[in-house]
């Protein structure tokens, strides 16, 4: 007796399960493509910024709402949304809502990081030595009887400068004092 499997095999393709499987596979593939493309764009931007500096004119220095709705913002939304939807593996409305929230979280995280990076960026302005008068300093080490090297903030960073004690007071490493005057190219402490 010969039994043909062909009609049964073709009937499977007409069922609802096969159609759902095909839709699942197609949407699954679409989310994977979104995730891979946006992740690839991010990796390329990251590598270019490391080796060639920030050549992307997309960054808004004010870190306002326009930096959220930018190419980088859309890229990060695609990363969060695409990977979540791919890993979630279903196309229910709850998954879309959570995927959109994950994408928005990625965008807001990037906006927050750009805002903080912008705050770290400092305008380097050179301070004259006489502008250090009145500034607190910490004794770093003693060079001779009244000559010391101290640490103080200068040009927005901690710097070491040489000072002389006017009063002849002996200081220990770590003592705090104030730069009191500047005469003939020399800084003095109390």
N, C-alpha and C. Protein backbone atom coordinates (compact mmCIF):
# COMPACT_ATOMS: atom_id res chain seq x y z
N UNK A 1 0.83 -1.15 0.00
CA UNK A 1 0.00 0.00 0.00
C UNK A 1 0.90 1.25 0.00
N UNK A 2 0.58 2.20 -0.85
CA UNK A 2 1.35 3.42 -1.01
C UNK A 2 0.57 4.61 -0.42
N UNK A 3 1.21 5.31 0.50
CA UNK A 3 0.56 6.48 1.12
C UNK A 3 1.35 7.71 0.69
N UNK A 4 0.64 8.68 0.19
CA UNK A 4 1.27 9.91 -0.25
C UNK A 4 1.24 10.93 0.88
N UNK A 5 2.37 11.51 1.15
CA UNK A 5 2.46 12.54 2.17
C UNK A 5 2.26 13.94 1.59
N UNK A 6 2.26 14.04 0.30
CA UNK A 6 2.18 15.33 -0.36
C UNK A 6 0.92 16.11 -0.01
N UNK A 7 -0.28 15.55 -0.04
CA UNK A 7 -1.45 16.35 0.31
C UNK A 7 -1.41 16.84 1.76
N UNK A 8 -0.96 16.00 2.65
CA UNK A 8 -0.88 16.40 4.05
C UNK A 8 0.14 17.52 4.20
N UNK A 9 1.25 17.43 3.49
CA UNK A 9 2.30 18.42 3.54
C UNK A 9 1.79 19.77 3.01
N UNK A 10 1.05 19.75 1.93
CA UNK A 10 0.50 20.99 1.38
C UNK A 10 -0.59 21.57 2.26
N UNK A 11 -1.35 20.72 2.91
CA UNK A 11 -2.41 21.20 3.80
C UNK A 11 -1.82 21.97 4.98
N UNK A 12 -0.62 21.57 5.43
CA UNK A 12 0.01 22.28 6.55
C UNK A 12 0.27 23.73 6.19
N UNK A 13 0.66 24.00 4.95
CA UNK A 13 0.95 25.36 4.54
C UNK A 13 -0.28 26.24 4.46
N UNK A 14 -1.44 25.63 4.43
CA UNK A 14 -2.68 26.38 4.37
C UNK A 14 -3.25 26.66 5.75
N UNK A 15 -2.65 26.14 6.78
CA UNK A 15 -3.19 26.29 8.13
C UNK A 15 -2.79 27.64 8.72
N UNK A 16 -3.50 27.97 9.78
CA UNK A 16 -3.25 29.24 10.48
C UNK A 16 -1.88 29.23 11.15
N UNK A 17 -1.45 28.07 11.66
CA UNK A 17 -0.14 27.99 12.33
C UNK A 17 1.00 28.35 11.38
N UNK A 18 0.91 27.86 10.15
CA UNK A 18 1.97 28.16 9.19
C UNK A 18 2.00 29.65 8.87
N UNK A 19 0.84 30.26 8.71
CA UNK A 19 0.78 31.69 8.40
C UNK A 19 1.34 32.50 9.57
N UNK A 20 1.01 32.13 10.80
CA UNK A 20 1.55 32.82 11.97
C UNK A 20 3.05 32.63 12.06
N UNK A 21 3.51 31.42 11.74
CA UNK A 21 4.95 31.15 11.78
C UNK A 21 5.66 32.02 10.75
N UNK A 22 5.10 32.13 9.54
CA UNK A 22 5.72 32.95 8.52
C UNK A 22 5.73 34.42 8.92
N UNK A 23 4.63 34.93 9.50
CA UNK A 23 4.59 36.32 9.96
C UNK A 23 5.60 36.54 11.08
N UNK A 24 5.69 35.57 11.98
CA UNK A 24 6.64 35.68 13.08
C UNK A 24 8.05 35.73 12.53
N UNK A 25 8.35 34.86 11.59
CA UNK A 25 9.68 34.81 11.02
C UNK A 25 9.99 36.10 10.26
N UNK A 26 9.04 36.62 9.52
CA UNK A 26 9.28 37.84 8.77
C UNK A 26 9.49 39.03 9.72
N UNK A 27 8.63 39.19 10.73
CA UNK A 27 8.81 40.30 11.66
C UNK A 27 10.08 40.11 12.49
N UNK A 28 10.36 38.87 12.84
CA UNK A 28 11.58 38.56 13.58
C UNK A 28 12.80 38.99 12.76
N UNK A 29 12.78 38.72 11.47
CA UNK A 29 13.87 39.09 10.57
C UNK A 29 13.96 40.61 10.42
N UNK A 30 12.83 41.27 10.33
CA UNK A 30 12.83 42.73 10.19
C UNK A 30 13.45 43.37 11.43
N UNK A 31 13.08 42.90 12.62
CA UNK A 31 13.65 43.47 13.85
C UNK A 31 15.13 43.17 13.95
N UNK A 32 15.55 41.99 13.50
CA UNK A 32 16.98 41.67 13.48
C UNK A 32 17.73 42.60 12.54
N UNK A 33 17.16 42.89 11.38
CA UNK A 33 17.80 43.79 10.42
C UNK A 33 17.90 45.20 11.02
N UNK A 34 16.83 45.68 11.65
CA UNK A 34 16.86 47.00 12.30
C UNK A 34 17.97 47.04 13.35
N UNK A 35 18.03 46.00 14.17
CA UNK A 35 19.02 45.94 15.24
C UNK A 35 20.44 45.89 14.68
N UNK A 36 20.67 45.06 13.68
CA UNK A 36 22.02 44.93 13.11
C UNK A 36 22.47 46.18 12.38
N UNK A 37 21.58 46.79 11.60
CA UNK A 37 21.95 48.00 10.86
C UNK A 37 22.27 49.14 11.82
N UNK A 38 21.41 49.38 12.80
CA UNK A 38 21.66 50.49 13.73
C UNK A 38 22.87 50.22 14.62
N UNK A 39 23.07 48.97 15.01
CA UNK A 39 24.27 48.64 15.79
C UNK A 39 25.52 48.82 14.94
N UNK A 40 25.45 48.44 13.67
CA UNK A 40 26.58 48.65 12.76
C UNK A 40 26.90 50.12 12.59
N UNK A 41 25.87 50.96 12.42
CA UNK A 41 26.09 52.41 12.31
C UNK A 41 26.74 52.95 13.58
N UNK A 42 26.25 52.48 14.74
CA UNK A 42 26.83 52.93 16.01
C UNK A 42 28.30 52.53 16.10
N UNK A 43 28.63 51.29 15.75
CA UNK A 43 30.02 50.82 15.83
C UNK A 43 30.91 51.63 14.90
N UNK A 44 30.43 51.91 13.69
CA UNK A 44 31.23 52.71 12.75
C UNK A 44 31.44 54.12 13.30
N UNK A 45 30.38 54.76 13.83
CA UNK A 45 30.53 56.10 14.43
C UNK A 45 31.50 56.06 15.60
N UNK A 46 31.41 55.03 16.41
CA UNK A 46 32.28 54.91 17.58
C UNK A 46 33.74 54.76 17.16
N UNK A 47 34.01 53.89 16.20
CA UNK A 47 35.38 53.69 15.73
C UNK A 47 35.93 54.96 15.09
N UNK A 48 35.11 55.63 14.27
CA UNK A 48 35.56 56.87 13.64
C UNK A 48 35.85 57.95 14.68
N UNK A 49 35.03 58.03 15.73
CA UNK A 49 35.26 59.06 16.74
C UNK A 49 36.50 58.76 17.57
N UNK A 50 36.84 57.49 17.75
CA UNK A 50 38.04 57.14 18.51
C UNK A 50 39.30 57.46 17.71
N UNK A 51 39.34 57.03 16.45
CA UNK A 51 40.55 57.18 15.66
C UNK A 51 40.67 58.50 14.92
N UNK A 52 39.56 59.15 14.62
CA UNK A 52 39.62 60.37 13.82
C UNK A 52 39.00 61.57 14.52
N UNK A 53 38.69 61.47 15.79
CA UNK A 53 38.04 62.55 16.51
C UNK A 53 36.58 62.60 16.17
N UNK A 54 35.92 63.65 16.59
CA UNK A 54 34.48 63.79 16.35
C UNK A 54 34.27 64.47 15.02
N UNK A 55 34.17 63.67 13.95
CA UNK A 55 33.98 64.24 12.62
C UNK A 55 32.50 64.34 12.27
N UNK A 56 31.64 63.93 13.20
CA UNK A 56 30.20 63.96 12.94
C UNK A 56 29.66 65.33 13.31
N UNK A 57 29.04 66.01 12.36
CA UNK A 57 28.49 67.34 12.60
C UNK A 57 27.11 67.27 13.22
N UNK A 58 26.69 66.07 13.64
CA UNK A 58 25.35 65.86 14.15
C UNK A 58 25.22 66.27 15.62
N UNK A 59 26.32 66.41 16.33
CA UNK A 59 26.27 66.69 17.76
C UNK A 59 25.88 68.14 17.99
N UNK A 60 24.91 68.35 18.86
CA UNK A 60 24.48 69.69 19.22
C UNK A 60 25.12 70.03 20.56
N UNK A 61 25.96 71.04 20.59
CA UNK A 61 26.70 71.36 21.80
C UNK A 61 25.82 71.82 22.95
N UNK A 62 24.63 72.30 22.67
CA UNK A 62 23.76 72.74 23.75
C UNK A 62 23.10 71.57 24.47
N UNK A 63 23.17 70.38 23.92
CA UNK A 63 22.57 69.17 24.49
C UNK A 63 21.10 69.39 24.83
N UNK A 64 20.38 70.01 23.91
CA UNK A 64 18.96 70.24 24.13
C UNK A 64 18.14 69.18 23.41
N UNK A 65 16.86 69.44 23.21
CA UNK A 65 15.95 68.44 22.64
C UNK A 65 16.32 68.10 21.20
N UNK A 66 16.99 69.00 20.48
CA UNK A 66 17.37 68.69 19.10
C UNK A 66 18.43 67.60 19.04
N UNK A 67 19.22 67.43 20.11
CA UNK A 67 20.19 66.34 20.12
C UNK A 67 19.52 65.00 20.36
N UNK A 68 18.29 65.01 20.90
CA UNK A 68 17.55 63.77 21.08
C UNK A 68 17.01 63.30 19.74
N UNK A 69 16.46 64.23 18.95
CA UNK A 69 15.90 63.89 17.65
C UNK A 69 16.98 64.18 16.61
N UNK A 70 17.98 63.33 16.57
CA UNK A 70 19.08 63.47 15.63
C UNK A 70 19.37 62.10 15.04
N UNK A 71 20.34 62.05 14.17
CA UNK A 71 20.70 60.77 13.58
C UNK A 71 21.19 59.80 14.65
N UNK A 72 22.01 60.30 15.58
CA UNK A 72 22.48 59.43 16.66
C UNK A 72 21.33 59.01 17.57
N UNK A 73 20.39 59.91 17.81
CA UNK A 73 19.22 59.56 18.62
C UNK A 73 18.40 58.47 17.96
N UNK A 74 18.17 58.62 16.65
CA UNK A 74 17.42 57.59 15.92
C UNK A 74 18.19 56.27 15.87
N UNK A 75 19.51 56.37 15.75
CA UNK A 75 20.33 55.16 15.77
C UNK A 75 20.19 54.42 17.09
N UNK A 76 20.25 55.15 18.18
CA UNK A 76 20.14 54.50 19.49
C UNK A 76 18.73 53.99 19.76
N UNK A 77 17.73 54.69 19.25
CA UNK A 77 16.37 54.18 19.36
C UNK A 77 16.26 52.85 18.61
N UNK A 78 16.83 52.80 17.42
CA UNK A 78 16.81 51.56 16.64
C UNK A 78 17.53 50.42 17.33
N UNK A 79 18.63 50.73 18.00
CA UNK A 79 19.35 49.69 18.74
C UNK A 79 18.47 49.13 19.86
N UNK A 80 17.91 50.00 20.68
CA UNK A 80 17.08 49.54 21.80
C UNK A 80 15.82 48.83 21.34
N UNK A 81 15.11 49.45 20.40
CA UNK A 81 13.85 48.88 19.91
C UNK A 81 14.08 47.58 19.14
N UNK A 82 15.03 47.61 18.22
CA UNK A 82 15.29 46.44 17.37
C UNK A 82 15.74 45.23 18.16
N UNK A 83 16.71 45.42 19.06
CA UNK A 83 17.20 44.27 19.83
C UNK A 83 16.14 43.77 20.80
N UNK A 84 15.37 44.67 21.41
CA UNK A 84 14.32 44.19 22.32
C UNK A 84 13.28 43.37 21.56
N UNK A 85 12.83 43.89 20.44
CA UNK A 85 11.78 43.18 19.68
C UNK A 85 12.32 41.86 19.13
N UNK A 86 13.57 41.83 18.72
CA UNK A 86 14.15 40.58 18.23
C UNK A 86 14.24 39.55 19.36
N UNK A 87 14.72 39.99 20.52
CA UNK A 87 14.88 39.06 21.64
C UNK A 87 13.55 38.68 22.27
N UNK A 88 12.57 39.58 22.24
CA UNK A 88 11.25 39.27 22.80
C UNK A 88 10.58 38.18 21.98
N UNK A 89 10.75 38.22 20.70
CA UNK A 89 10.27 37.15 19.84
C UNK A 89 8.78 37.12 19.60
N UNK A 90 8.04 38.13 19.98
CA UNK A 90 6.60 38.14 19.66
C UNK A 90 6.21 39.53 19.19
N UNK A 91 5.05 39.59 18.57
CA UNK A 91 4.60 40.86 17.99
C UNK A 91 3.29 41.31 18.63
N UNK A 92 3.14 41.05 19.89
CA UNK A 92 1.95 41.51 20.60
C UNK A 92 2.10 43.00 20.91
N UNK A 93 0.99 43.64 21.16
CA UNK A 93 0.99 45.09 21.39
C UNK A 93 1.84 45.47 22.60
N UNK A 94 1.84 44.61 23.63
CA UNK A 94 2.65 44.89 24.81
C UNK A 94 4.13 44.92 24.46
N UNK A 95 4.54 44.03 23.57
CA UNK A 95 5.95 44.00 23.16
C UNK A 95 6.33 45.27 22.42
N UNK A 96 5.43 45.77 21.57
CA UNK A 96 5.70 47.01 20.86
C UNK A 96 5.82 48.18 21.83
N UNK A 97 4.94 48.24 22.81
CA UNK A 97 4.98 49.32 23.80
C UNK A 97 6.29 49.26 24.58
N UNK A 98 6.65 48.07 25.06
CA UNK A 98 7.90 47.92 25.81
C UNK A 98 9.09 48.21 24.91
N UNK A 99 9.05 47.76 23.65
CA UNK A 99 10.14 48.04 22.71
C UNK A 99 10.32 49.52 22.48
N UNK A 100 9.21 50.25 22.34
CA UNK A 100 9.30 51.70 22.16
C UNK A 100 9.87 52.35 23.42
N UNK A 101 9.46 51.88 24.58
CA UNK A 101 10.00 52.43 25.84
C UNK A 101 11.49 52.14 25.97
N UNK A 102 11.92 50.95 25.58
CA UNK A 102 13.35 50.62 25.62
C UNK A 102 14.11 51.52 24.65
N UNK A 103 13.58 51.73 23.45
CA UNK A 103 14.21 52.62 22.48
C UNK A 103 14.31 54.04 23.00
N UNK A 104 13.24 54.53 23.62
CA UNK A 104 13.26 55.88 24.21
C UNK A 104 14.26 55.97 25.35
N UNK A 105 14.37 54.90 26.13
CA UNK A 105 15.36 54.87 27.22
C UNK A 105 16.77 55.02 26.64
N UNK A 106 17.06 54.31 25.55
CA UNK A 106 18.38 54.43 24.91
C UNK A 106 18.62 55.86 24.44
N UNK A 107 17.62 56.49 23.85
CA UNK A 107 17.76 57.87 23.36
C UNK A 107 18.01 58.82 24.53
N UNK A 108 17.24 58.68 25.60
CA UNK A 108 17.42 59.56 26.76
C UNK A 108 18.75 59.31 27.45
N UNK A 109 19.20 58.07 27.47
CA UNK A 109 20.51 57.77 28.06
C UNK A 109 21.62 58.45 27.26
N UNK A 110 21.53 58.41 25.95
CA UNK A 110 22.53 59.08 25.11
C UNK A 110 22.47 60.59 25.30
N UNK A 111 21.26 61.15 25.36
CA UNK A 111 21.11 62.58 25.60
C UNK A 111 21.75 62.97 26.93
N UNK A 112 21.51 62.18 27.97
CA UNK A 112 22.08 62.46 29.29
C UNK A 112 23.60 62.39 29.24
N UNK A 113 24.15 61.39 28.55
CA UNK A 113 25.61 61.27 28.44
C UNK A 113 26.22 62.45 27.68
N UNK A 114 25.57 62.88 26.60
CA UNK A 114 26.07 64.05 25.87
C UNK A 114 26.01 65.30 26.74
N UNK A 115 24.95 65.43 27.50
CA UNK A 115 24.81 66.60 28.38
C UNK A 115 25.93 66.62 29.42
N UNK A 116 26.19 65.46 30.03
CA UNK A 116 27.27 65.39 31.03
C UNK A 116 28.64 65.60 30.40
N UNK A 117 28.86 65.06 29.21
CA UNK A 117 30.14 65.26 28.53
C UNK A 117 30.35 66.72 28.19
N UNK A 118 29.28 67.41 27.81
CA UNK A 118 29.38 68.82 27.50
C UNK A 118 29.73 69.62 28.77
N UNK A 119 29.19 69.21 29.90
CA UNK A 119 29.50 69.89 31.15
C UNK A 119 30.96 69.69 31.54
N UNK A 120 31.53 68.55 31.16
CA UNK A 120 32.94 68.28 31.47
C UNK A 120 33.89 69.09 30.58
N UNK A 121 33.39 69.47 29.42
CA UNK A 121 34.20 70.23 28.50
C UNK A 121 34.48 71.60 29.10
N UNK A 122 35.74 71.96 29.18
CA UNK A 122 36.09 73.23 29.79
C UNK A 122 36.77 74.12 28.77
N UNK A 123 36.50 75.40 28.90
CA UNK A 123 37.21 76.37 28.09
C UNK A 123 38.52 76.66 28.80
N UNK A 124 39.62 76.40 28.12
CA UNK A 124 40.93 76.57 28.72
C UNK A 124 41.34 78.04 28.62
N UNK A 125 41.36 78.71 29.74
CA UNK A 125 41.81 80.10 29.77
C UNK A 125 43.04 80.17 30.66
N UNK A 126 44.08 80.76 30.15
CA UNK A 126 45.34 80.83 30.87
C UNK A 126 45.26 81.91 31.95
N UNK A 127 45.60 81.52 33.16
CA UNK A 127 45.62 82.47 34.27
C UNK A 127 47.04 82.99 34.48
N UNK A 128 47.14 84.26 34.74
CA UNK A 128 48.42 84.86 35.07
C UNK A 128 48.80 84.44 36.49
N UNK A 129 50.08 84.40 36.75
CA UNK A 129 50.56 83.95 38.06
C UNK A 129 50.04 84.84 39.19
N UNK A 130 49.91 86.15 38.95
CA UNK A 130 49.42 87.04 40.02
C UNK A 130 47.96 86.77 40.37
N UNK A 131 47.22 86.07 39.51
CA UNK A 131 45.83 85.74 39.80
C UNK A 131 45.71 84.61 40.83
N UNK A 132 46.82 83.98 41.19
CA UNK A 132 46.79 82.91 42.19
C UNK A 132 46.76 83.45 43.62
N UNK A 133 47.00 84.74 43.78
CA UNK A 133 46.98 85.35 45.12
C UNK A 133 45.58 85.22 45.71
N UNK A 134 45.53 84.75 46.96
CA UNK A 134 44.25 84.55 47.66
C UNK A 134 43.73 83.13 47.53
N UNK A 135 44.38 82.32 46.73
CA UNK A 135 43.93 80.95 46.51
C UNK A 135 44.51 80.00 47.56
N UNK A 136 43.69 79.03 47.94
CA UNK A 136 44.16 78.03 48.90
C UNK A 136 45.10 77.07 48.19
N UNK A 137 46.09 76.59 48.92
CA UNK A 137 47.04 75.62 48.37
C UNK A 137 47.38 74.59 49.43
N UNK A 138 47.93 73.48 48.98
CA UNK A 138 48.32 72.39 49.87
C UNK A 138 49.82 72.19 49.70
N UNK A 139 50.55 72.13 50.80
CA UNK A 139 51.99 71.92 50.75
C UNK A 139 52.26 70.52 50.18
N UNK A 140 53.04 70.48 49.10
CA UNK A 140 53.36 69.21 48.46
C UNK A 140 54.67 68.66 49.01
N UNK A 141 55.73 69.51 49.02
CA UNK A 141 56.98 69.12 49.69
C UNK A 141 57.82 70.36 49.95
N UNK A 142 58.76 70.21 50.87
CA UNK A 142 59.64 71.30 51.28
C UNK A 142 60.94 71.21 50.47
N UNK A 143 61.31 72.35 49.84
CA UNK A 143 62.54 72.38 49.04
C UNK A 143 63.74 72.83 49.88
N UNK A 144 63.52 73.84 50.70
CA UNK A 144 64.58 74.35 51.59
C UNK A 144 63.90 74.93 52.83
N UNK A 145 64.61 75.75 53.60
CA UNK A 145 64.06 76.27 54.86
C UNK A 145 62.73 76.97 54.68
N UNK A 146 62.62 77.88 53.72
CA UNK A 146 61.36 78.61 53.55
C UNK A 146 60.74 78.45 52.16
N UNK A 147 61.33 77.60 51.34
CA UNK A 147 60.82 77.40 49.98
C UNK A 147 60.08 76.06 49.90
N UNK A 148 58.85 76.12 49.30
CA UNK A 148 57.98 74.94 49.21
C UNK A 148 57.43 74.81 47.80
N UNK A 149 57.02 73.60 47.48
CA UNK A 149 56.22 73.36 46.29
C UNK A 149 54.82 73.05 46.79
N UNK A 150 53.83 73.75 46.24
CA UNK A 150 52.44 73.57 46.67
C UNK A 150 51.59 73.15 45.48
N UNK A 151 50.45 72.56 45.79
CA UNK A 151 49.46 72.24 44.77
C UNK A 151 48.30 73.19 44.92
N UNK A 152 47.90 73.79 43.77
CA UNK A 152 46.76 74.69 43.75
C UNK A 152 46.08 74.58 42.39
N UNK A 153 44.86 75.08 42.30
CA UNK A 153 44.17 75.03 41.01
C UNK A 153 44.61 76.21 40.16
N UNK A 154 44.98 75.87 38.93
CA UNK A 154 45.40 76.90 37.96
C UNK A 154 44.99 76.42 36.58
N UNK A 155 44.37 77.28 35.83
CA UNK A 155 43.89 76.96 34.48
C UNK A 155 42.89 75.80 34.50
N UNK A 156 42.13 75.70 35.58
CA UNK A 156 41.09 74.68 35.67
C UNK A 156 41.60 73.31 36.07
N UNK A 157 42.85 73.20 36.48
CA UNK A 157 43.40 71.89 36.87
C UNK A 157 44.32 72.08 38.07
N UNK A 158 44.62 71.00 38.75
CA UNK A 158 45.53 71.05 39.89
C UNK A 158 46.97 71.15 39.35
N UNK A 159 47.69 72.17 39.82
CA UNK A 159 49.07 72.42 39.36
C UNK A 159 50.00 72.55 40.55
N UNK A 160 51.28 72.30 40.29
CA UNK A 160 52.31 72.50 41.31
C UNK A 160 53.03 73.81 41.01
N UNK A 161 53.18 74.64 42.03
CA UNK A 161 53.91 75.90 41.89
C UNK A 161 54.85 76.05 43.09
N UNK A 162 55.93 76.79 42.87
CA UNK A 162 56.89 77.04 43.93
C UNK A 162 56.51 78.32 44.66
N UNK A 163 56.60 78.29 45.99
CA UNK A 163 56.28 79.44 46.84
C UNK A 163 57.35 79.59 47.92
N UNK A 164 57.34 80.78 48.53
CA UNK A 164 58.24 81.05 49.65
C UNK A 164 57.40 81.49 50.83
N UNK A 165 57.75 81.00 52.01
CA UNK A 165 57.04 81.39 53.23
C UNK A 165 57.55 82.74 53.68
N UNK A 166 56.65 83.75 53.78
CA UNK A 166 57.04 85.09 54.21
C UNK A 166 57.39 85.12 55.69
N UNK A 167 56.64 84.39 56.48
CA UNK A 167 56.83 84.45 57.93
C UNK A 167 57.89 83.49 58.43
N UNK A 168 58.39 82.61 57.58
CA UNK A 168 59.39 81.64 58.01
C UNK A 168 58.77 80.46 58.74
N UNK A 169 57.45 80.38 58.76
CA UNK A 169 56.75 79.28 59.43
C UNK A 169 57.09 77.97 58.74
N UNK A 170 57.29 76.92 59.53
CA UNK A 170 57.60 75.59 58.98
C UNK A 170 56.29 74.86 58.69
N UNK A 171 56.17 74.34 57.50
CA UNK A 171 54.98 73.60 57.08
C UNK A 171 55.32 72.13 56.87
N UNK A 172 54.33 71.29 57.04
CA UNK A 172 54.46 69.85 56.77
C UNK A 172 53.72 69.53 55.47
N UNK A 173 54.07 68.43 54.86
CA UNK A 173 53.36 67.97 53.67
C UNK A 173 51.90 67.74 54.03
N UNK A 174 51.00 68.32 53.21
CA UNK A 174 49.57 68.17 53.44
C UNK A 174 48.94 69.36 54.15
N UNK A 175 49.75 70.26 54.73
CA UNK A 175 49.20 71.46 55.38
C UNK A 175 48.55 72.36 54.33
N UNK A 176 47.46 73.01 54.75
CA UNK A 176 46.77 73.95 53.85
C UNK A 176 47.12 75.38 54.27
N UNK A 177 47.29 76.22 53.25
CA UNK A 177 47.58 77.63 53.50
C UNK A 177 47.05 78.44 52.32
N UNK A 178 47.27 79.74 52.39
CA UNK A 178 46.77 80.67 51.36
C UNK A 178 47.97 81.35 50.71
N UNK A 179 47.91 81.52 49.40
CA UNK A 179 48.93 82.31 48.71
C UNK A 179 48.60 83.77 48.98
N UNK A 180 49.54 84.47 49.62
CA UNK A 180 49.25 85.82 50.09
C UNK A 180 49.69 86.93 49.15
N UNK A 181 50.77 86.72 48.41
CA UNK A 181 51.24 87.80 47.53
C UNK A 181 52.10 87.26 46.40
N UNK A 182 52.35 88.18 45.45
CA UNK A 182 53.18 87.88 44.28
C UNK A 182 54.08 89.07 44.05
N UNK A 183 55.40 88.85 44.16
CA UNK A 183 56.37 89.94 43.99
C UNK A 183 57.54 89.43 43.15
N UNK A 184 57.90 90.20 42.16
CA UNK A 184 59.08 89.92 41.33
C UNK A 184 59.12 88.47 40.82
N UNK A 185 57.98 87.97 40.38
CA UNK A 185 57.94 86.63 39.81
C UNK A 185 57.89 85.51 40.82
N UNK A 186 57.70 85.83 42.11
CA UNK A 186 57.67 84.81 43.15
C UNK A 186 56.37 84.88 43.92
N UNK A 187 55.79 83.72 44.19
CA UNK A 187 54.57 83.64 45.03
C UNK A 187 54.97 83.42 46.46
N UNK A 188 54.21 84.04 47.38
CA UNK A 188 54.49 83.93 48.81
C UNK A 188 53.27 83.38 49.54
N UNK A 189 53.56 82.59 50.59
CA UNK A 189 52.50 82.11 51.49
C UNK A 189 52.77 82.70 52.86
N UNK A 190 51.82 82.55 53.78
CA UNK A 190 51.96 83.14 55.12
C UNK A 190 53.18 82.67 55.86
